[in-house]
């Protein structure tokens, strides 16, 4: 009976991890493109269209247009360049962290499949206790991963909000 309960816990944990990983792109009935990290928001017929987030490329306006709207000081230009460099570095750091998180997720997914496979066999008491210890360790690492993933998603949201704000400010110029 306990083995069955552990299998259910493992399957639910794994399903949650599967459903919460990645960024998905889909097109709604109006033809609008949407991005989400929640697979349940994506229409079932569009599930295989998984994509990675790519930063939007913002092209600066020619200097001639800037002259018509007023000259920026050298220090303001320098500050803007520094801010763009910092944003680019942060974006690269987030991209690398995202890749590491994805690799860790794939490792956890493989381990869960292995544990599920072991759990379907008849086990002796010692093997069963060993499995329970592995499951407990796996659940602990999965919880740690989920906490780090949540923190990472908040960082990405803050970064995206900052980029969006910068784009809006540039459009106003």
N, C-alpha and C. Protein backbone atom coordinates (compact mmCIF):
# COMPACT_ATOMS: atom_id res chain seq x y z
N UNK A 1 0.82 -1.20 0.00
CA UNK A 1 0.00 0.00 0.00
C UNK A 1 0.87 1.26 0.00
N UNK A 2 1.92 1.26 0.82
CA UNK A 2 2.79 2.44 0.90
C UNK A 2 3.50 2.69 -0.44
N UNK A 3 3.88 1.62 -1.10
CA UNK A 3 4.56 1.76 -2.38
C UNK A 3 3.65 2.48 -3.38
N UNK A 4 2.40 2.14 -3.37
CA UNK A 4 1.44 2.79 -4.26
C UNK A 4 1.32 4.28 -3.96
N UNK A 5 1.36 4.63 -2.68
CA UNK A 5 1.29 6.04 -2.31
C UNK A 5 2.53 6.79 -2.80
N UNK A 6 3.68 6.15 -2.68
CA UNK A 6 4.91 6.80 -3.14
C UNK A 6 4.90 6.97 -4.66
N UNK A 7 4.38 6.01 -5.35
CA UNK A 7 4.29 6.12 -6.80
C UNK A 7 3.41 7.30 -7.18
N UNK A 8 2.30 7.45 -6.49
CA UNK A 8 1.40 8.57 -6.77
C UNK A 8 2.11 9.90 -6.50
N UNK A 9 2.83 9.97 -5.37
CA UNK A 9 3.57 11.20 -5.04
C UNK A 9 4.61 11.50 -6.11
N UNK A 10 5.34 10.49 -6.54
CA UNK A 10 6.34 10.68 -7.58
C UNK A 10 5.71 11.15 -8.89
N UNK A 11 4.62 10.54 -9.25
CA UNK A 11 3.96 10.92 -10.51
C UNK A 11 3.43 12.35 -10.44
N UNK A 12 2.83 12.73 -9.33
CA UNK A 12 2.31 14.09 -9.19
C UNK A 12 3.44 15.11 -9.20
N UNK A 13 4.53 14.80 -8.51
CA UNK A 13 5.69 15.70 -8.50
C UNK A 13 6.24 15.84 -9.91
N UNK A 14 6.37 14.74 -10.59
CA UNK A 14 6.90 14.78 -11.95
C UNK A 14 5.99 15.51 -12.90
N UNK A 15 4.69 15.31 -12.77
CA UNK A 15 3.75 15.99 -13.65
C UNK A 15 3.79 17.49 -13.41
N UNK A 16 3.92 17.89 -12.15
CA UNK A 16 4.02 19.33 -11.84
C UNK A 16 5.28 19.91 -12.48
N UNK A 17 6.40 19.19 -12.34
CA UNK A 17 7.65 19.68 -12.91
C UNK A 17 7.55 19.77 -14.43
N UNK A 18 6.94 18.77 -15.05
CA UNK A 18 6.78 18.79 -16.51
C UNK A 18 5.91 19.96 -16.96
N UNK A 19 4.84 20.19 -16.24
CA UNK A 19 3.89 21.23 -16.64
C UNK A 19 4.45 22.62 -16.40
N UNK A 20 5.42 22.77 -15.50
CA UNK A 20 5.89 24.10 -15.15
C UNK A 20 7.20 24.48 -15.82
N UNK A 21 7.72 23.67 -16.69
CA UNK A 21 9.03 23.95 -17.29
C UNK A 21 8.87 24.55 -18.67
N UNK A 22 9.72 25.50 -19.01
CA UNK A 22 9.80 26.02 -20.35
C UNK A 22 8.89 27.20 -20.63
N UNK A 23 9.10 27.77 -21.79
CA UNK A 23 8.28 28.88 -22.27
C UNK A 23 7.60 28.41 -23.55
N UNK A 24 6.31 28.63 -23.64
CA UNK A 24 5.55 28.13 -24.76
C UNK A 24 4.95 29.29 -25.57
N UNK A 25 4.89 29.11 -26.88
CA UNK A 25 4.34 30.11 -27.79
C UNK A 25 3.07 29.52 -28.38
N UNK A 26 2.04 30.37 -28.47
CA UNK A 26 0.83 29.92 -29.14
C UNK A 26 0.11 31.12 -29.75
N UNK A 27 -0.78 30.81 -30.68
CA UNK A 27 -1.56 31.84 -31.37
C UNK A 27 -3.02 31.64 -30.99
N UNK A 28 -3.68 32.70 -30.52
CA UNK A 28 -5.08 32.56 -30.12
C UNK A 28 -6.01 32.68 -31.32
N UNK A 29 -7.32 32.65 -31.07
CA UNK A 29 -8.32 32.68 -32.14
C UNK A 29 -8.25 33.97 -32.97
N UNK A 30 -7.80 35.06 -32.35
CA UNK A 30 -7.71 36.34 -33.05
C UNK A 30 -6.44 36.48 -33.88
N UNK A 31 -5.55 35.50 -33.76
CA UNK A 31 -4.29 35.55 -34.50
C UNK A 31 -3.17 36.22 -33.71
N UNK A 32 -3.41 36.55 -32.44
CA UNK A 32 -2.39 37.18 -31.62
C UNK A 32 -1.44 36.11 -31.08
N UNK A 33 -0.14 36.43 -31.06
CA UNK A 33 0.87 35.51 -30.55
C UNK A 33 1.03 35.76 -29.05
N UNK A 34 1.08 34.69 -28.27
CA UNK A 34 1.24 34.78 -26.82
C UNK A 34 2.37 33.86 -26.38
N UNK A 35 3.04 34.25 -25.29
CA UNK A 35 4.07 33.43 -24.67
C UNK A 35 3.66 33.19 -23.23
N UNK A 36 3.85 31.96 -22.76
CA UNK A 36 3.49 31.61 -21.39
C UNK A 36 4.40 30.51 -20.89
N UNK A 37 4.54 30.44 -19.57
CA UNK A 37 5.28 29.33 -18.98
C UNK A 37 4.33 28.28 -18.42
N UNK A 38 3.03 28.52 -18.60
CA UNK A 38 2.01 27.60 -18.11
C UNK A 38 1.40 26.86 -19.29
N UNK A 39 1.73 25.60 -19.41
CA UNK A 39 1.27 24.80 -20.55
C UNK A 39 -0.24 24.71 -20.61
N UNK A 40 -0.92 24.84 -19.47
CA UNK A 40 -2.38 24.74 -19.46
C UNK A 40 -3.04 25.91 -20.18
N UNK A 41 -2.31 27.02 -20.38
CA UNK A 41 -2.85 28.16 -21.11
C UNK A 41 -2.77 27.98 -22.62
N UNK A 42 -1.99 27.00 -23.06
CA UNK A 42 -1.78 26.77 -24.49
C UNK A 42 -2.84 25.80 -25.00
N UNK A 43 -3.49 26.13 -26.12
CA UNK A 43 -4.45 25.18 -26.70
C UNK A 43 -3.77 23.84 -27.00
N UNK A 44 -4.46 22.75 -26.76
CA UNK A 44 -3.89 21.41 -26.88
C UNK A 44 -3.31 21.18 -28.26
N UNK A 45 -3.94 21.68 -29.30
CA UNK A 45 -3.45 21.44 -30.65
C UNK A 45 -2.15 22.18 -30.94
N UNK A 46 -1.71 23.07 -30.04
CA UNK A 46 -0.48 23.82 -30.25
C UNK A 46 0.60 23.45 -29.24
N UNK A 47 0.44 22.41 -28.45
CA UNK A 47 1.39 22.03 -27.42
C UNK A 47 2.80 21.76 -27.93
N UNK A 48 3.02 21.14 -29.07
CA UNK A 48 4.40 20.84 -29.45
C UNK A 48 5.24 22.06 -29.83
N UNK A 49 4.65 23.23 -29.92
CA UNK A 49 5.39 24.41 -30.35
C UNK A 49 6.08 25.09 -29.18
N UNK A 50 7.06 24.41 -28.59
CA UNK A 50 7.81 24.98 -27.48
C UNK A 50 8.94 25.84 -28.06
N UNK A 51 9.12 27.02 -27.50
CA UNK A 51 10.17 27.92 -27.96
C UNK A 51 10.90 28.50 -26.78
N UNK A 52 12.08 29.02 -27.05
CA UNK A 52 12.83 29.72 -26.03
C UNK A 52 12.64 31.22 -26.23
N UNK A 53 12.70 31.94 -25.14
CA UNK A 53 12.57 33.39 -25.19
C UNK A 53 13.80 34.00 -25.83
N UNK A 54 13.61 34.92 -26.73
CA UNK A 54 14.70 35.67 -27.32
C UNK A 54 14.47 37.13 -27.04
N UNK A 55 15.54 37.83 -26.69
CA UNK A 55 15.42 39.25 -26.39
C UNK A 55 15.07 40.02 -27.66
N UNK A 56 14.21 41.02 -27.54
CA UNK A 56 13.91 41.85 -28.70
C UNK A 56 15.12 42.72 -29.03
N UNK A 57 15.34 42.92 -30.32
CA UNK A 57 16.44 43.77 -30.75
C UNK A 57 15.88 45.18 -30.95
N UNK A 58 16.46 46.12 -30.23
CA UNK A 58 16.01 47.50 -30.32
C UNK A 58 17.05 48.28 -31.11
N UNK A 59 16.61 48.89 -32.19
CA UNK A 59 17.51 49.68 -33.01
C UNK A 59 17.40 51.14 -32.60
N UNK A 60 18.54 51.76 -32.39
CA UNK A 60 18.52 53.17 -31.99
C UNK A 60 18.22 54.03 -33.21
N UNK A 61 17.69 55.20 -32.95
CA UNK A 61 17.34 56.12 -34.02
C UNK A 61 18.60 56.79 -34.54
N UNK A 62 18.61 57.18 -35.80
CA UNK A 62 19.78 57.87 -36.35
C UNK A 62 20.04 59.18 -35.61
N UNK A 63 21.29 59.59 -35.62
CA UNK A 63 21.68 60.80 -34.91
C UNK A 63 20.97 62.04 -35.45
N UNK A 64 20.62 62.01 -36.74
CA UNK A 64 19.94 63.17 -37.31
C UNK A 64 18.61 63.42 -36.60
N UNK A 65 17.86 62.35 -36.32
CA UNK A 65 16.60 62.51 -35.62
C UNK A 65 16.82 63.00 -34.20
N UNK A 66 17.89 62.53 -33.58
CA UNK A 66 18.19 62.95 -32.21
C UNK A 66 18.51 64.44 -32.16
N UNK A 67 19.16 64.96 -33.21
CA UNK A 67 19.50 66.39 -33.23
C UNK A 67 18.24 67.24 -33.27
N UNK A 68 17.24 66.78 -33.97
CA UNK A 68 16.00 67.52 -34.05
C UNK A 68 15.26 67.57 -32.73
N UNK A 69 15.47 66.61 -31.88
CA UNK A 69 14.78 66.56 -30.60
C UNK A 69 15.63 67.07 -29.46
N UNK A 70 16.82 67.54 -29.75
CA UNK A 70 17.69 68.06 -28.70
C UNK A 70 18.90 67.16 -28.52
N UNK A 71 20.03 67.77 -28.28
CA UNK A 71 21.28 67.04 -28.10
C UNK A 71 21.35 66.43 -26.71
N UNK A 72 21.72 65.16 -26.66
CA UNK A 72 21.98 64.54 -25.37
C UNK A 72 23.41 64.88 -24.97
N UNK A 73 23.64 65.03 -23.71
CA UNK A 73 24.99 65.32 -23.25
C UNK A 73 25.82 64.06 -23.33
N UNK A 74 27.13 64.24 -23.35
CA UNK A 74 28.03 63.09 -23.40
C UNK A 74 27.85 62.18 -22.19
N UNK A 75 27.65 62.79 -21.03
CA UNK A 75 27.49 61.97 -19.82
C UNK A 75 26.19 61.16 -19.89
N UNK A 76 25.14 61.72 -20.46
CA UNK A 76 23.88 60.99 -20.58
C UNK A 76 24.03 59.84 -21.56
N UNK A 77 24.76 60.08 -22.66
CA UNK A 77 25.01 59.01 -23.63
C UNK A 77 25.83 57.90 -23.00
N UNK A 78 26.83 58.32 -22.23
CA UNK A 78 27.69 57.34 -21.58
C UNK A 78 26.89 56.51 -20.57
N UNK A 79 26.02 57.17 -19.81
CA UNK A 79 25.18 56.46 -18.83
C UNK A 79 24.25 55.48 -19.53
N UNK A 80 23.70 55.89 -20.67
CA UNK A 80 22.82 55.01 -21.43
C UNK A 80 23.58 53.80 -21.95
N UNK A 81 24.79 54.04 -22.45
CA UNK A 81 25.61 52.93 -22.95
C UNK A 81 25.96 51.95 -21.83
N UNK A 82 26.28 52.49 -20.65
CA UNK A 82 26.61 51.64 -19.51
C UNK A 82 25.39 50.81 -19.10
N UNK A 83 24.24 51.45 -19.11
CA UNK A 83 23.02 50.74 -18.73
C UNK A 83 22.72 49.61 -19.73
N UNK A 84 22.90 49.90 -21.02
CA UNK A 84 22.67 48.87 -22.04
C UNK A 84 23.65 47.72 -21.87
N UNK A 85 24.91 48.05 -21.55
CA UNK A 85 25.91 47.00 -21.34
C UNK A 85 25.55 46.14 -20.13
N UNK A 86 25.08 46.79 -19.06
CA UNK A 86 24.66 46.04 -17.87
C UNK A 86 23.46 45.15 -18.18
N UNK A 87 22.50 45.68 -18.92
CA UNK A 87 21.33 44.88 -19.30
C UNK A 87 21.72 43.69 -20.17
N UNK A 88 22.66 43.93 -21.08
CA UNK A 88 23.11 42.85 -21.95
C UNK A 88 23.80 41.76 -21.13
N UNK A 89 24.66 42.18 -20.18
CA UNK A 89 25.35 41.21 -19.32
C UNK A 89 24.35 40.43 -18.47
N UNK A 90 23.36 41.13 -17.93
CA UNK A 90 22.35 40.46 -17.11
C UNK A 90 21.53 39.49 -17.97
N UNK A 91 21.20 39.91 -19.18
CA UNK A 91 20.45 39.03 -20.09
C UNK A 91 21.23 37.77 -20.41
N UNK A 92 22.52 37.91 -20.62
CA UNK A 92 23.38 36.75 -20.89
C UNK A 92 23.45 35.84 -19.67
N UNK A 93 23.58 36.44 -18.49
CA UNK A 93 23.62 35.66 -17.25
C UNK A 93 22.31 34.88 -17.06
N UNK A 94 21.19 35.54 -17.32
CA UNK A 94 19.89 34.88 -17.20
C UNK A 94 19.75 33.75 -18.22
N UNK A 95 20.25 33.97 -19.42
CA UNK A 95 20.18 32.93 -20.45
C UNK A 95 20.99 31.70 -20.01
N UNK A 96 22.20 31.94 -19.50
CA UNK A 96 23.04 30.82 -19.05
C UNK A 96 22.40 30.10 -17.87
N UNK A 97 21.85 30.86 -16.94
CA UNK A 97 21.18 30.25 -15.80
C UNK A 97 19.99 29.42 -16.27
N UNK A 98 19.25 29.94 -17.23
CA UNK A 98 18.11 29.20 -17.78
C UNK A 98 18.54 27.89 -18.41
N UNK A 99 19.66 27.90 -19.11
CA UNK A 99 20.17 26.67 -19.72
C UNK A 99 20.57 25.66 -18.65
N UNK A 100 21.21 26.14 -17.58
CA UNK A 100 21.59 25.23 -16.49
C UNK A 100 20.35 24.66 -15.80
N UNK A 101 19.34 25.52 -15.61
CA UNK A 101 18.10 25.06 -14.97
C UNK A 101 17.43 24.00 -15.85
N UNK A 102 17.44 24.20 -17.15
CA UNK A 102 16.83 23.23 -18.06
C UNK A 102 17.57 21.90 -18.02
N UNK A 103 18.91 21.96 -17.98
CA UNK A 103 19.70 20.73 -17.90
C UNK A 103 19.41 20.00 -16.58
N UNK A 104 19.32 20.74 -15.50
CA UNK A 104 19.01 20.13 -14.21
C UNK A 104 17.60 19.51 -14.24
N UNK A 105 16.67 20.21 -14.86
CA UNK A 105 15.30 19.68 -14.98
C UNK A 105 15.31 18.35 -15.74
N UNK A 106 16.06 18.30 -16.83
CA UNK A 106 16.12 17.06 -17.63
C UNK A 106 16.72 15.92 -16.81
N UNK A 107 17.74 16.23 -15.99
CA UNK A 107 18.33 15.21 -15.12
C UNK A 107 17.31 14.71 -14.09
N UNK A 108 16.56 15.64 -13.50
CA UNK A 108 15.53 15.25 -12.53
C UNK A 108 14.45 14.41 -13.20
N UNK A 109 14.10 14.78 -14.40
CA UNK A 109 13.07 14.04 -15.15
C UNK A 109 13.53 12.60 -15.41
N UNK A 110 14.80 12.44 -15.82
CA UNK A 110 15.33 11.09 -16.07
C UNK A 110 15.36 10.27 -14.77
N UNK A 111 15.77 10.92 -13.70
CA UNK A 111 15.82 10.21 -12.42
C UNK A 111 14.43 9.79 -11.98
N UNK A 112 13.44 10.65 -12.17
CA UNK A 112 12.07 10.30 -11.81
C UNK A 112 11.59 9.09 -12.60
N UNK A 113 11.90 9.07 -13.89
CA UNK A 113 11.51 7.93 -14.71
C UNK A 113 12.17 6.65 -14.22
N UNK A 114 13.43 6.76 -13.81
CA UNK A 114 14.14 5.60 -13.27
C UNK A 114 13.50 5.12 -11.97
N UNK A 115 13.16 6.06 -11.10
CA UNK A 115 12.51 5.69 -9.84
C UNK A 115 11.14 5.07 -10.09
N UNK A 116 10.40 5.62 -11.04
CA UNK A 116 9.09 5.05 -11.39
C UNK A 116 9.24 3.61 -11.88
N UNK A 117 10.28 3.39 -12.67
CA UNK A 117 10.52 2.06 -13.22
C UNK A 117 10.84 1.08 -12.09
N UNK A 118 11.68 1.49 -11.15
CA UNK A 118 12.04 0.64 -10.01
C UNK A 118 10.82 0.37 -9.14
N UNK A 119 9.99 1.39 -8.97
CA UNK A 119 8.83 1.28 -8.07
C UNK A 119 7.78 0.29 -8.60
N UNK A 120 7.80 -0.02 -9.88
CA UNK A 120 6.81 -0.94 -10.43
C UNK A 120 7.19 -2.40 -10.20
N UNK A 121 8.42 -2.65 -9.77
CA UNK A 121 8.89 -4.02 -9.53
C UNK A 121 8.57 -4.44 -8.11
N UNK A 122 8.51 -5.74 -7.90
CA UNK A 122 8.39 -6.26 -6.54
C UNK A 122 9.76 -6.16 -5.89
N UNK A 123 9.78 -5.58 -4.71
CA UNK A 123 11.04 -5.32 -4.03
C UNK A 123 11.11 -6.03 -2.69
N UNK A 124 12.32 -6.42 -2.32
CA UNK A 124 12.54 -6.95 -0.98
C UNK A 124 12.56 -5.77 -0.02
N UNK A 125 12.46 -6.06 1.25
CA UNK A 125 12.38 -5.02 2.29
C UNK A 125 13.59 -4.05 2.18
N UNK A 126 14.79 -4.57 2.04
CA UNK A 126 15.99 -3.72 1.96
C UNK A 126 15.96 -2.85 0.71
N UNK A 127 15.55 -3.44 -0.42
CA UNK A 127 15.46 -2.67 -1.66
C UNK A 127 14.39 -1.59 -1.54
N UNK A 128 13.28 -1.96 -0.90
CA UNK A 128 12.18 -1.01 -0.70
C UNK A 128 12.64 0.18 0.15
N UNK A 129 13.35 -0.10 1.24
CA UNK A 129 13.86 0.97 2.10
C UNK A 129 14.86 1.85 1.35
N UNK A 130 15.67 1.23 0.52
CA UNK A 130 16.62 1.98 -0.29
C UNK A 130 15.88 2.90 -1.28
N UNK A 131 14.81 2.36 -1.88
CA UNK A 131 14.00 3.16 -2.80
C UNK A 131 13.36 4.35 -2.08
N UNK A 132 12.84 4.11 -0.88
CA UNK A 132 12.22 5.19 -0.12
C UNK A 132 13.23 6.30 0.18
N UNK A 133 14.44 5.90 0.51
CA UNK A 133 15.49 6.90 0.78
C UNK A 133 15.79 7.71 -0.49
N UNK A 134 15.88 7.03 -1.63
CA UNK A 134 16.13 7.73 -2.90
C UNK A 134 14.97 8.67 -3.25
N UNK A 135 13.76 8.22 -2.99
CA UNK A 135 12.58 9.04 -3.28
C UNK A 135 12.59 10.29 -2.40
N UNK A 136 12.91 10.11 -1.13
CA UNK A 136 12.96 11.25 -0.21
C UNK A 136 14.03 12.25 -0.66
N UNK A 137 15.19 11.74 -1.04
CA UNK A 137 16.27 12.60 -1.54
C UNK A 137 15.84 13.31 -2.82
N UNK A 138 15.19 12.54 -3.71
CA UNK A 138 14.72 13.12 -4.97
C UNK A 138 13.70 14.23 -4.71
N UNK A 139 12.76 13.99 -3.82
CA UNK A 139 11.76 15.00 -3.51
C UNK A 139 12.39 16.26 -2.91
N UNK A 140 13.39 16.08 -2.09
CA UNK A 140 14.10 17.22 -1.50
C UNK A 140 14.79 18.04 -2.59
N UNK A 141 15.47 17.35 -3.50
CA UNK A 141 16.15 18.07 -4.59
C UNK A 141 15.14 18.72 -5.55
N UNK A 142 14.01 18.06 -5.76
CA UNK A 142 12.97 18.63 -6.62
C UNK A 142 12.40 19.90 -5.99
N UNK A 143 12.17 19.88 -4.70
CA UNK A 143 11.67 21.06 -4.00
C UNK A 143 12.68 22.20 -4.07
N UNK A 144 13.96 21.88 -3.88
CA UNK A 144 15.00 22.89 -3.99
C UNK A 144 15.03 23.48 -5.40
N UNK A 145 14.93 22.61 -6.39
CA UNK A 145 14.91 23.07 -7.79
C UNK A 145 13.72 24.00 -8.03
N UNK A 146 12.56 23.64 -7.56
CA UNK A 146 11.36 24.46 -7.76
C UNK A 146 11.53 25.83 -7.10
N UNK A 147 12.12 25.88 -5.91
CA UNK A 147 12.36 27.17 -5.25
C UNK A 147 13.32 28.04 -6.06
N UNK A 148 14.40 27.42 -6.55
CA UNK A 148 15.36 28.18 -7.36
C UNK A 148 14.74 28.61 -8.70
N UNK A 149 13.90 27.74 -9.28
CA UNK A 149 13.24 28.08 -10.54
C UNK A 149 12.29 29.26 -10.35
N UNK A 150 11.56 29.26 -9.23
CA UNK A 150 10.65 30.36 -8.94
C UNK A 150 11.41 31.67 -8.79
N UNK A 151 12.54 31.62 -8.07
CA UNK A 151 13.36 32.82 -7.91
C UNK A 151 13.91 33.28 -9.27
N UNK A 152 14.30 32.32 -10.10
CA UNK A 152 14.82 32.65 -11.44
C UNK A 152 13.72 33.30 -12.28
N UNK A 153 12.52 32.78 -12.23
CA UNK A 153 11.41 33.36 -12.99
C UNK A 153 11.14 34.79 -12.56
N UNK A 154 11.27 35.08 -11.27
CA UNK A 154 11.08 36.45 -10.78
C UNK A 154 12.17 37.36 -11.33
N UNK A 155 13.40 36.87 -11.39
CA UNK A 155 14.50 37.65 -11.97
C UNK A 155 14.22 37.96 -13.43
N UNK A 156 13.74 36.95 -14.16
CA UNK A 156 13.45 37.13 -15.59
C UNK A 156 12.32 38.14 -15.76
N UNK A 157 11.29 38.04 -14.93
CA UNK A 157 10.17 39.00 -15.01
C UNK A 157 10.66 40.43 -14.75
N UNK A 158 11.52 40.61 -13.76
CA UNK A 158 12.06 41.94 -13.45
C UNK A 158 12.90 42.45 -14.62
N UNK A 159 13.69 41.57 -15.19
CA UNK A 159 14.52 41.95 -16.34
C UNK A 159 13.64 42.34 -17.53
N UNK A 160 12.63 41.53 -17.81
CA UNK A 160 11.74 41.83 -18.93
C UNK A 160 10.99 43.15 -18.71
N UNK A 161 10.58 43.41 -17.47
CA UNK A 161 9.89 44.67 -17.16
C UNK A 161 10.83 45.84 -17.38
N UNK A 162 12.09 45.69 -17.00
CA UNK A 162 13.08 46.74 -17.19
C UNK A 162 13.30 47.02 -18.68
N UNK A 163 13.42 45.96 -19.46
CA UNK A 163 13.60 46.11 -20.92
C UNK A 163 12.38 46.77 -21.53
N UNK A 164 11.19 46.34 -21.12
CA UNK A 164 9.95 46.91 -21.66
C UNK A 164 9.88 48.39 -21.34
N UNK A 165 10.25 48.75 -20.13
CA UNK A 165 10.23 50.15 -19.72
C UNK A 165 11.21 50.98 -20.57
N UNK A 166 12.41 50.43 -20.79
CA UNK A 166 13.40 51.11 -21.61
C UNK A 166 12.89 51.31 -23.04
N UNK A 167 12.22 50.30 -23.58
CA UNK A 167 11.69 50.40 -24.95
C UNK A 167 10.62 51.49 -25.00
N UNK A 168 9.76 51.52 -24.01
CA UNK A 168 8.71 52.53 -23.98
C UNK A 168 9.29 53.94 -23.88
N UNK A 169 10.35 54.09 -23.08
CA UNK A 169 11.01 55.40 -22.95
C UNK A 169 11.63 55.80 -24.28
N UNK A 170 12.27 54.85 -24.97
CA UNK A 170 12.88 55.15 -26.26
C UNK A 170 11.83 55.52 -27.30
N UNK A 171 10.68 54.88 -27.24
CA UNK A 171 9.61 55.19 -28.20
C UNK A 171 9.05 56.59 -27.98
N UNK A 172 9.10 57.07 -26.74
CA UNK A 172 8.60 58.40 -26.43
C UNK A 172 9.54 59.49 -26.92
N UNK A 173 10.80 59.15 -27.11
CA UNK A 173 11.80 60.15 -27.54
C UNK A 173 11.59 60.56 -28.96
